[in-house]
Amino acid sequence: MRMITRGEGVAVLVAAVIAGAVAGGLAGWVLDNDSPAPTAVAPAPNQVHTIGAPSRSPEAIYRDASRGVVVITDQQTQVVPPTLFAPGRRQQVGALGSGFVVDRRGDIVTNDHVVQGATNIRVAFSGSESYPAETVGTDPSSDLAVIRVSAPPAALQPLAFADSSSVQVGDPVYAIGNPFGLDRTMTAGIVSATGRDIKAPNGLTIPNAVQTDAAINHGNSGGPLLDRFGRVIGVNAQIEGGTVDANVGVGFAIPSSTTRSIADQLIATGRVRHPWLGVQIETIDPLAENLSPGFPKKGVLVVAVVKGGPAARAGLEPARPRVIKGVSALVGGDVIVAIDRKSVASAAQLSELVAMHKSGDAVRLEVVRRGQRRTVAVALGDAPA
């Protein structure tokens, strides 16, 4: 399966968040006065940056971790668009990706886009043995999936998770996967940045992705990004495409904190419940022109409300597009400035705060509406698939 690239408009990863959260400056805003089975996901040792703590050698990391990395192949249906000479049609294509073992039961974590809608899924281990697998559950909102392989216990070598929140820029990292079908290739690099937002296949945002310059290419999807101790800090899922459909030194991994939570739910119930507010938002640019007196300098503007969603039921009001002096602007609408008394300055921050809750939780939003501050109670719902 080809690696999803950000430049394609179909990008990878944000889980359990606000539908259609849009980060980015807002310019030209004008105030308008008008019974679950127990999961066996490998426990993560606490990850701390201890001065003098010895790192494992790349050779040792590869020797141990590569045994838990697998090659995933399957069949997927591809839609061929119509042309002047032939009608549109569907065709079966072979897909390729990576994954890694997380328990002795045969559960394997990979990307949703590697196995979504797939048939004839097979998993190959380091000895080239190939075994059939079935889908346990998929989650397009985080681009994560769990499959279960029917393989001998000796073939199952689970990898341990580390705490992705402890990752720092400059940390050495290693990616193991199957780029271009070259099975169990390891590449090395560093953490280039943390806290990146990337998009899942269904358009939701995946927060806190780990950015790395370790070479990641098509076929690496679903493989682990490892720390200097050989523990999983992320799932390789996306590259920055631009005009080049290959690695350009900018790759992204879904953080292990998200991965563990999603994998736990998929293994236990086969599905994931994401808390959902049901709004589209934009971060306010405090330097934007045409901000009327009384308009908050920080916060997120509600630009759309999903009909029948939690925000709509609570009465949140979206902004309205209007052309003022030949310039398109959004007028009116609620500005969310806090949630449960925690200040909100960006769309990403609001997404993260919502993601800390569960579906059904009641939250209290502080909003500014037509210059007046008020509190609105909202019962979070389940994000639609």
Protein backbone atom coordinates (compact mmCIF):
# COMPACT_ATOMS: atom_id res chain seq x y z
CA MET A 1 0.00 0.00 0.00
CA ARG A 2 1.39 3.36 -0.87
CA MET A 3 2.29 5.75 1.90
CA ILE A 4 -0.21 8.59 2.22
CA THR A 5 1.39 11.93 1.41
CA ARG A 6 0.29 15.25 2.79
CA GLY A 7 0.49 16.87 -0.63
CA GLU A 8 -2.26 14.59 -1.97
CA GLY A 9 -5.08 16.11 0.03
CA VAL A 10 -5.69 12.71 1.62
CA ALA A 11 -3.39 12.78 4.58
CA VAL A 12 -3.00 10.72 7.70
CA LEU A 13 -3.81 11.10 11.24
CA VAL A 14 -5.90 12.94 14.36
CA ALA A 15 -7.97 11.01 16.73
CA ALA A 16 -10.93 11.60 18.99
CA VAL A 17 -11.37 15.24 18.26
CA ILE A 18 -13.56 17.97 16.86
CA ALA A 19 -14.92 17.33 13.40
CA GLY A 20 -13.17 19.44 10.81
CA ALA A 21 -10.95 21.38 13.17
CA VAL A 22 -9.00 23.87 11.10
CA ALA A 23 -5.85 25.42 12.48
CA GLY A 24 -4.62 28.57 10.85
CA GLY A 25 -4.96 32.30 11.20
CA LEU A 26 -8.33 33.91 10.75
CA ALA A 27 -8.04 37.18 8.87
CA GLY A 28 -10.75 39.64 8.06
CA TRP A 29 -13.12 38.65 10.90
CA VAL A 30 -15.66 41.41 11.60
CA LEU A 31 -17.79 41.45 14.73
CA ASP A 32 -21.47 41.44 13.77
CA ASN A 33 -23.79 43.10 16.25
CA ASP A 34 -26.80 41.74 14.62
CA SER A 35 -18.22 -6.40 27.81
CA PRO A 36 -14.92 -6.03 26.62
CA ALA A 37 -12.26 -8.68 26.20
CA PRO A 38 -9.06 -7.88 28.13
CA THR A 39 -6.36 -6.34 25.98
CA ALA A 40 -2.83 -7.57 26.07
CA VAL A 41 -1.11 -4.60 24.46
CA ALA A 42 2.45 -4.63 25.75
CA PRO A 43 2.85 -2.35 28.78
CA ALA A 44 5.11 0.62 28.28
CA PRO A 45 8.03 1.19 30.61
CA ASN A 46 8.20 4.77 31.86
CA GLN A 47 10.30 6.78 29.48
CA VAL A 48 12.51 9.39 31.10
CA HIS A 49 15.48 11.30 29.78
CA THR A 50 18.08 10.38 32.35
CA ILE A 51 21.48 11.95 31.94
CA GLY A 52 23.95 9.20 31.20
CA ALA A 53 21.29 6.55 30.52
CA PRO A 54 22.88 4.24 27.95
CA SER A 55 21.21 3.87 24.58
CA ARG A 56 21.04 0.52 22.87
CA SER A 57 23.10 0.14 19.74
CA PRO A 58 21.27 0.24 16.39
CA GLU A 59 22.40 -3.34 15.81
CA ALA A 60 20.81 -4.52 19.06
CA ILE A 61 17.60 -2.57 18.41
CA TYR A 62 17.26 -4.09 14.95
CA ARG A 63 18.10 -7.59 16.12
CA ASP A 64 15.33 -7.58 18.72
CA ALA A 65 12.67 -5.27 17.25
CA SER A 66 12.73 -6.56 13.67
CA ARG A 67 11.35 -9.90 14.86
CA GLY A 68 8.17 -8.12 15.89
CA VAL A 69 7.77 -6.18 12.62
CA VAL A 70 5.70 -7.82 9.89
CA VAL A 71 4.94 -7.47 6.19
CA ILE A 72 1.22 -7.07 5.46
CA THR A 73 -0.23 -7.83 2.04
CA ASP A 74 -3.88 -7.78 1.01
CA GLN A 75 -6.31 -7.12 -1.82
CA GLN A 76 -8.19 -3.84 -2.09
CA THR A 77 -10.74 -2.47 -4.53
CA GLN A 78 -9.52 0.51 -6.53
CA VAL A 79 -11.87 2.80 -8.43
CA VAL A 80 -10.61 3.69 -11.91
CA PRO A 81 -12.24 6.97 -13.03
CA PRO A 82 -13.84 7.13 -16.48
CA THR A 83 -12.00 8.58 -19.46
CA LEU A 84 -12.99 9.63 -22.96
CA PHE A 85 -12.16 6.13 -24.13
CA ALA A 86 -13.39 3.88 -21.29
CA PRO A 87 -16.06 3.96 -18.59
CA GLY A 88 -15.17 3.98 -14.91
CA ARG A 89 -14.62 0.61 -13.28
CA ARG A 90 -13.47 -1.13 -10.15
CA GLN A 91 -10.43 -3.34 -10.06
CA GLN A 92 -8.67 -5.46 -7.45
CA VAL A 93 -5.14 -4.36 -6.62
CA GLY A 94 -2.51 -5.75 -4.32
CA ALA A 95 -1.59 -3.64 -1.29
CA LEU A 96 1.55 -3.63 0.83
CA GLY A 97 2.23 -2.24 4.28
CA SER A 98 3.92 -2.83 7.60
CA GLY A 99 2.80 -3.60 11.12
CA PHE A 100 4.09 -4.81 14.47
CA VAL A 101 3.04 -7.40 17.04
CA VAL A 102 1.60 -6.08 20.32
CA ASP A 103 0.65 -9.27 22.19
CA ARG A 104 1.01 -13.03 22.28
CA ARG A 105 -2.53 -13.49 21.01
CA GLY A 106 -1.47 -12.41 17.54
CA ASP A 107 -2.75 -8.82 17.53
CA ILE A 108 -0.88 -6.55 15.14
CA VAL A 109 -1.09 -2.75 14.90
CA THR A 110 -0.96 -1.12 11.47
CA ASN A 111 -2.49 1.81 9.59
CA ASP A 112 -6.17 1.91 8.73
CA HIS A 113 -5.31 2.78 5.13
CA VAL A 114 -3.25 -0.43 4.84
CA VAL A 115 -6.21 -2.75 5.52
CA GLN A 116 -9.37 -0.68 5.09
CA GLY A 117 -11.87 -2.73 3.10
CA ALA A 118 -9.21 -5.34 2.37
CA THR A 119 -9.63 -9.04 1.69
CA ASN A 120 -7.13 -11.91 1.72
CA ILE A 121 -4.95 -10.27 4.39
CA ARG A 122 -1.69 -12.10 5.02
CA VAL A 123 1.15 -11.45 7.45
CA ALA A 124 4.77 -12.44 6.88
CA PHE A 125 7.37 -12.69 9.63
CA SER A 126 11.16 -12.50 9.57
CA GLY A 127 11.55 -16.08 8.43
CA SER A 128 9.37 -15.31 5.38
CA GLU A 129 6.56 -17.46 6.78
CA SER A 130 3.18 -16.07 5.74
CA TYR A 131 -0.06 -16.58 7.67
CA PRO A 132 -3.68 -15.47 7.18
CA ALA A 133 -5.04 -12.61 9.29
CA GLU A 134 -8.43 -11.06 9.98
CA THR A 135 -9.40 -7.51 10.86
CA VAL A 136 -10.15 -6.94 14.55
CA GLY A 137 -11.13 -3.31 14.05
CA THR A 138 -10.24 -0.15 12.14
CA ASP A 139 -10.42 3.53 13.02
CA PRO A 140 -10.24 5.97 10.08
CA SER A 141 -10.25 8.91 12.51
CA SER A 142 -6.78 7.98 13.76
CA ASP A 143 -5.64 5.96 10.72
CA LEU A 144 -5.02 2.97 13.00
CA ALA A 145 -6.14 -0.64 12.77
CA VAL A 146 -5.61 -3.94 14.54
CA ILE A 147 -5.50 -7.26 12.71
CA ARG A 148 -5.09 -10.72 14.26
CA VAL A 149 -2.85 -13.32 12.67
CA SER A 150 -3.10 -17.09 12.98
CA ALA A 151 0.57 -17.83 13.58
CA PRO A 152 2.59 -20.11 15.89
CA PRO A 153 3.36 -18.57 19.31
CA ALA A 154 7.09 -18.70 18.55
CA ALA A 155 6.58 -16.23 15.69
CA LEU A 156 4.92 -13.62 17.90
CA GLN A 157 7.46 -11.19 19.38
CA PRO A 158 5.54 -8.20 20.87
CA LEU A 159 7.12 -4.75 20.88
CA ALA A 160 6.78 -2.51 23.94
CA PHE A 161 5.44 1.03 23.85
CA ALA A 162 7.13 4.09 25.30
CA ASP A 163 5.50 7.34 26.39
CA SER A 164 5.41 9.59 23.33
CA SER A 165 4.81 12.66 25.50
CA SER A 166 8.39 12.34 26.74
CA VAL A 167 9.88 12.49 23.25
CA GLN A 168 12.13 15.48 22.64
CA VAL A 169 13.41 17.10 19.48
CA GLY A 170 16.83 15.68 18.68
CA ASP A 171 16.16 12.23 20.15
CA PRO A 172 17.52 9.45 17.93
CA VAL A 173 14.83 7.29 16.31
CA TYR A 174 14.67 4.25 14.07
CA ALA A 175 12.01 3.16 11.59
CA ILE A 176 11.59 -0.48 10.63
CA GLY A 177 9.27 -1.42 7.80
CA ASN A 178 8.97 -2.60 4.24
CA PRO A 179 9.62 0.37 1.91
CA PHE A 180 8.98 -0.55 -1.72
CA GLY A 181 8.60 -4.18 -0.61
CA LEU A 182 12.15 -4.37 0.81
CA ASP A 183 11.15 -6.23 3.95
CA ARG A 184 12.44 -5.27 7.38
CA THR A 185 14.48 -2.27 6.29
CA MET A 186 15.71 -0.06 9.13
CA THR A 187 16.38 3.65 8.69
CA ALA A 188 17.72 6.07 11.28
CA GLY A 189 17.22 9.73 12.09
CA ILE A 190 16.13 12.08 14.82
CA VAL A 191 12.90 13.55 16.09
CA SER A 192 12.59 16.69 13.98
CA ALA A 193 9.54 18.12 15.78
CA THR A 194 6.71 17.11 18.08
CA GLY A 195 3.11 18.20 18.41
CA ARG A 196 2.39 18.22 14.67
CA ASP A 197 -1.20 18.00 13.41
CA ILE A 198 -1.87 15.66 10.50
CA LYS A 199 -5.11 14.62 8.83
CA ALA A 200 -6.73 11.22 8.96
CA PRO A 201 -8.21 9.57 5.86
CA ASN A 202 -11.69 10.75 6.91
CA GLY A 203 -10.58 14.37 7.30
CA LEU A 204 -10.34 14.55 11.09
CA THR A 205 -7.17 15.83 12.69
CA ILE A 206 -4.65 13.63 14.47
CA PRO A 207 -2.78 15.75 17.01
CA ASN A 208 0.70 15.41 18.49
CA ALA A 209 2.25 13.48 15.62
CA VAL A 210 6.00 12.91 15.81
CA GLN A 211 7.95 14.39 12.90
CA THR A 212 11.18 12.66 11.88
CA ASP A 213 13.83 12.80 9.19
CA ALA A 214 14.29 9.02 9.27
CA ALA A 215 13.59 7.84 5.73
CA ILE A 216 9.97 6.67 5.40
CA ASN A 217 8.58 5.57 2.05
CA HIS A 218 5.71 3.63 0.50
CA GLY A 219 5.45 0.32 2.31
CA ASN A 220 6.54 1.78 5.66
CA SER A 221 2.92 2.55 6.52
CA GLY A 222 1.96 0.92 9.82
CA GLY A 223 5.50 0.13 10.92
CA PRO A 224 6.99 1.28 14.23
CA LEU A 225 9.06 4.35 14.96
CA LEU A 226 11.41 3.31 17.78
CA ASP A 227 13.29 5.26 20.42
CA ARG A 228 16.92 4.73 21.42
CA PHE A 229 15.87 1.82 23.65
CA GLY A 230 13.94 0.03 20.91
CA ARG A 231 10.48 0.97 22.21
CA VAL A 232 7.61 2.16 20.02
CA ILE A 233 6.98 5.91 20.16
CA GLY A 234 4.84 6.09 17.04
CA VAL A 235 3.32 4.40 14.00
CA ASN A 236 4.77 5.59 10.69
CA ALA A 237 1.90 6.85 8.60
CA GLN A 238 2.63 9.83 6.40
CA ILE A 239 5.27 11.72 4.47
CA GLU A 240 5.37 15.29 3.26
CA GLY A 241 4.84 14.83 -0.45
CA GLY A 242 5.10 18.20 -2.13
CA THR A 243 6.01 17.57 -5.74
CA VAL A 244 8.02 14.45 -4.97
CA ASP A 245 6.16 11.21 -4.28
CA ALA A 246 8.92 9.81 -2.09
CA ASN A 247 10.81 10.59 1.09
CA VAL A 248 12.11 14.13 1.33
CA GLY A 249 13.23 13.96 4.95
CA VAL A 250 9.85 14.85 6.50
CA GLY A 251 7.83 11.95 7.87
CA PHE A 252 5.13 11.69 10.50
CA ALA A 253 4.23 9.01 13.02
CA ILE A 254 1.02 8.67 15.01
CA PRO A 255 2.09 9.04 18.67
CA SER A 256 2.23 5.96 20.86
CA SER A 257 -0.11 7.55 23.41
CA THR A 258 -2.84 7.67 20.77
CA THR A 259 -1.90 4.26 19.38
CA ARG A 260 -2.15 2.46 22.72
CA SER A 261 -5.55 3.97 23.50
CA ILE A 262 -6.95 3.13 20.07
CA ALA A 263 -5.47 -0.38 20.06
CA ASP A 264 -6.90 -1.09 23.53
CA GLN A 265 -10.39 -0.15 22.35
CA LEU A 266 -10.17 -2.02 19.06
CA ILE A 267 -8.94 -5.20 20.74
CA ALA A 268 -11.58 -4.97 23.46
CA THR A 269 -14.64 -4.04 21.39
CA GLY A 270 -13.66 -3.80 17.72
CA ARG A 271 -14.54 -0.11 17.56
CA VAL A 272 -13.45 3.27 18.91
CA ARG A 273 -15.58 5.98 20.45
CA HIS A 274 -14.22 9.47 19.83
CA PRO A 275 -15.63 12.40 21.80
CA TRP A 276 -17.11 14.88 19.34
CA LEU A 277 -18.21 18.49 19.59
CA GLY A 278 -19.56 18.77 16.06
CA VAL A 279 -18.12 22.08 14.94
CA GLN A 280 -15.70 23.42 12.38
CA ILE A 281 -13.38 26.01 13.88
CA GLU A 282 -10.59 28.39 12.97
CA THR A 283 -7.89 29.85 15.18
CA ILE A 284 -8.16 33.61 15.56
CA ASP A 285 -5.16 35.59 14.40
CA PRO A 286 -4.65 38.33 17.03
CA LEU A 287 -2.95 40.46 14.36
CA ALA A 288 -5.83 40.17 11.91
CA GLU A 289 -7.35 43.40 10.65
CA ASN A 290 -10.95 44.47 11.20
CA LEU A 291 -11.31 43.00 14.68
CA SER A 292 -14.05 45.06 16.30
CA PRO A 293 -13.83 46.42 19.87
CA GLY A 294 -14.65 43.76 22.43
CA PHE A 295 -13.68 40.92 20.12
CA PRO A 296 -11.29 38.47 21.88
CA LYS A 297 -7.70 38.41 20.69
CA LYS A 298 -7.39 34.71 21.50
CA GLY A 299 -9.75 31.82 20.92
CA VAL A 300 -11.31 29.81 18.09
CA LEU A 301 -14.17 30.95 15.92
CA VAL A 302 -17.02 28.55 15.19
CA VAL A 303 -17.34 28.67 11.41
CA ALA A 304 -19.78 25.77 11.01
CA VAL A 305 -22.02 23.66 13.23
CA VAL A 306 -22.98 20.11 12.25
CA LYS A 307 -26.76 19.82 12.05
CA GLY A 308 -28.07 17.68 14.88
CA GLY A 309 -24.63 17.44 16.51
CA PRO A 310 -23.72 18.19 20.15
CA ALA A 311 -22.87 21.85 19.49
CA ALA A 312 -26.05 22.40 17.51
CA ARG A 313 -28.17 20.94 20.30
CA ALA A 314 -26.42 23.24 22.78
CA GLY A 315 -27.21 26.28 20.65
CA LEU A 316 -23.74 27.28 19.46
CA GLU A 317 -23.89 29.77 16.61
CA PRO A 318 -21.57 29.67 13.54
CA ALA A 319 -20.14 32.68 11.78
CA ARG A 320 -21.59 33.74 8.43
CA PRO A 321 -19.66 34.61 5.28
CA ARG A 322 -20.11 38.13 3.99
CA VAL A 323 -18.38 40.37 1.48
CA ILE A 324 -17.39 43.68 3.06
CA LYS A 325 -15.78 46.32 0.84
CA GLY A 326 -14.98 43.62 -1.69
CA VAL A 327 -13.28 41.38 0.87
CA SER A 328 -14.73 38.05 2.04
CA ALA A 329 -15.08 37.87 5.81
CA LEU A 330 -16.79 35.84 8.49
CA VAL A 331 -19.16 37.78 10.72
CA GLY A 332 -21.03 36.87 13.87
CA GLY A 333 -20.66 33.44 15.41
CA ASP A 334 -19.42 32.20 18.75
CA VAL A 335 -15.77 32.43 19.75
CA ILE A 336 -14.73 29.65 22.14
CA VAL A 337 -12.22 31.01 24.64
CA ALA A 338 -12.22 28.30 27.32
CA ILE A 339 -13.40 24.77 28.07
CA ASP A 340 -13.97 23.69 31.66
CA ARG A 341 -12.17 26.85 32.80
CA LYS A 342 -9.07 26.06 30.73
CA SER A 343 -8.18 28.82 28.30
CA VAL A 344 -8.25 28.00 24.59
CA ALA A 345 -6.00 29.85 22.16
CA SER A 346 -5.97 27.55 19.12
CA ALA A 347 -7.97 24.92 17.26
CA ALA A 348 -5.34 22.30 18.10
CA GLN A 349 -5.56 23.12 21.80
CA LEU A 350 -9.34 22.81 21.81
CA SER A 351 -9.05 19.49 19.95
CA GLU A 352 -6.65 18.14 22.55
CA LEU A 353 -8.85 19.25 25.46
CA VAL A 354 -11.92 17.63 23.91
CA ALA A 355 -9.93 14.44 23.25
CA MET A 356 -9.21 14.15 26.99
CA HIS A 357 -12.91 13.46 27.56
CA LYS A 358 -15.17 10.54 26.71
CA SER A 359 -18.28 10.47 24.59
CA GLY A 360 -21.22 11.48 26.76
CA ASP A 361 -19.19 13.74 29.03
CA ALA A 362 -20.62 17.18 29.73
CA VAL A 363 -18.26 20.11 29.14
CA ARG A 364 -18.72 23.81 29.78
CA LEU A 365 -17.62 26.13 27.00
CA GLU A 366 -16.97 29.80 27.59
CA VAL A 367 -17.86 31.68 24.45
CA VAL A 368 -17.98 35.28 23.32
CA ARG A 369 -21.12 36.08 21.34
CA ARG A 370 -21.66 39.59 19.98
CA GLY A 371 -19.21 40.95 22.52
CA GLN A 372 -20.80 39.23 25.51
CA ARG A 373 -19.17 36.35 27.40
CA ARG A 374 -21.37 33.40 28.33
CA THR A 375 -21.13 29.75 29.37
CA VAL A 376 -22.67 26.97 27.29
CA ALA A 377 -23.02 23.37 28.49
CA VAL A 378 -22.44 20.73 25.81
CA ALA A 379 -22.81 16.94 26.05
CA LEU A 380 -20.12 15.42 23.82
CA GLY A 381 -21.25 12.86 21.27
CA ASP A 382 -19.61 10.08 19.24
CA ALA A 383 -17.67 11.24 16.19
CA PRO A 384 -19.33 9.84 13.07
CA ALA A 385 -17.37 7.29 11.09
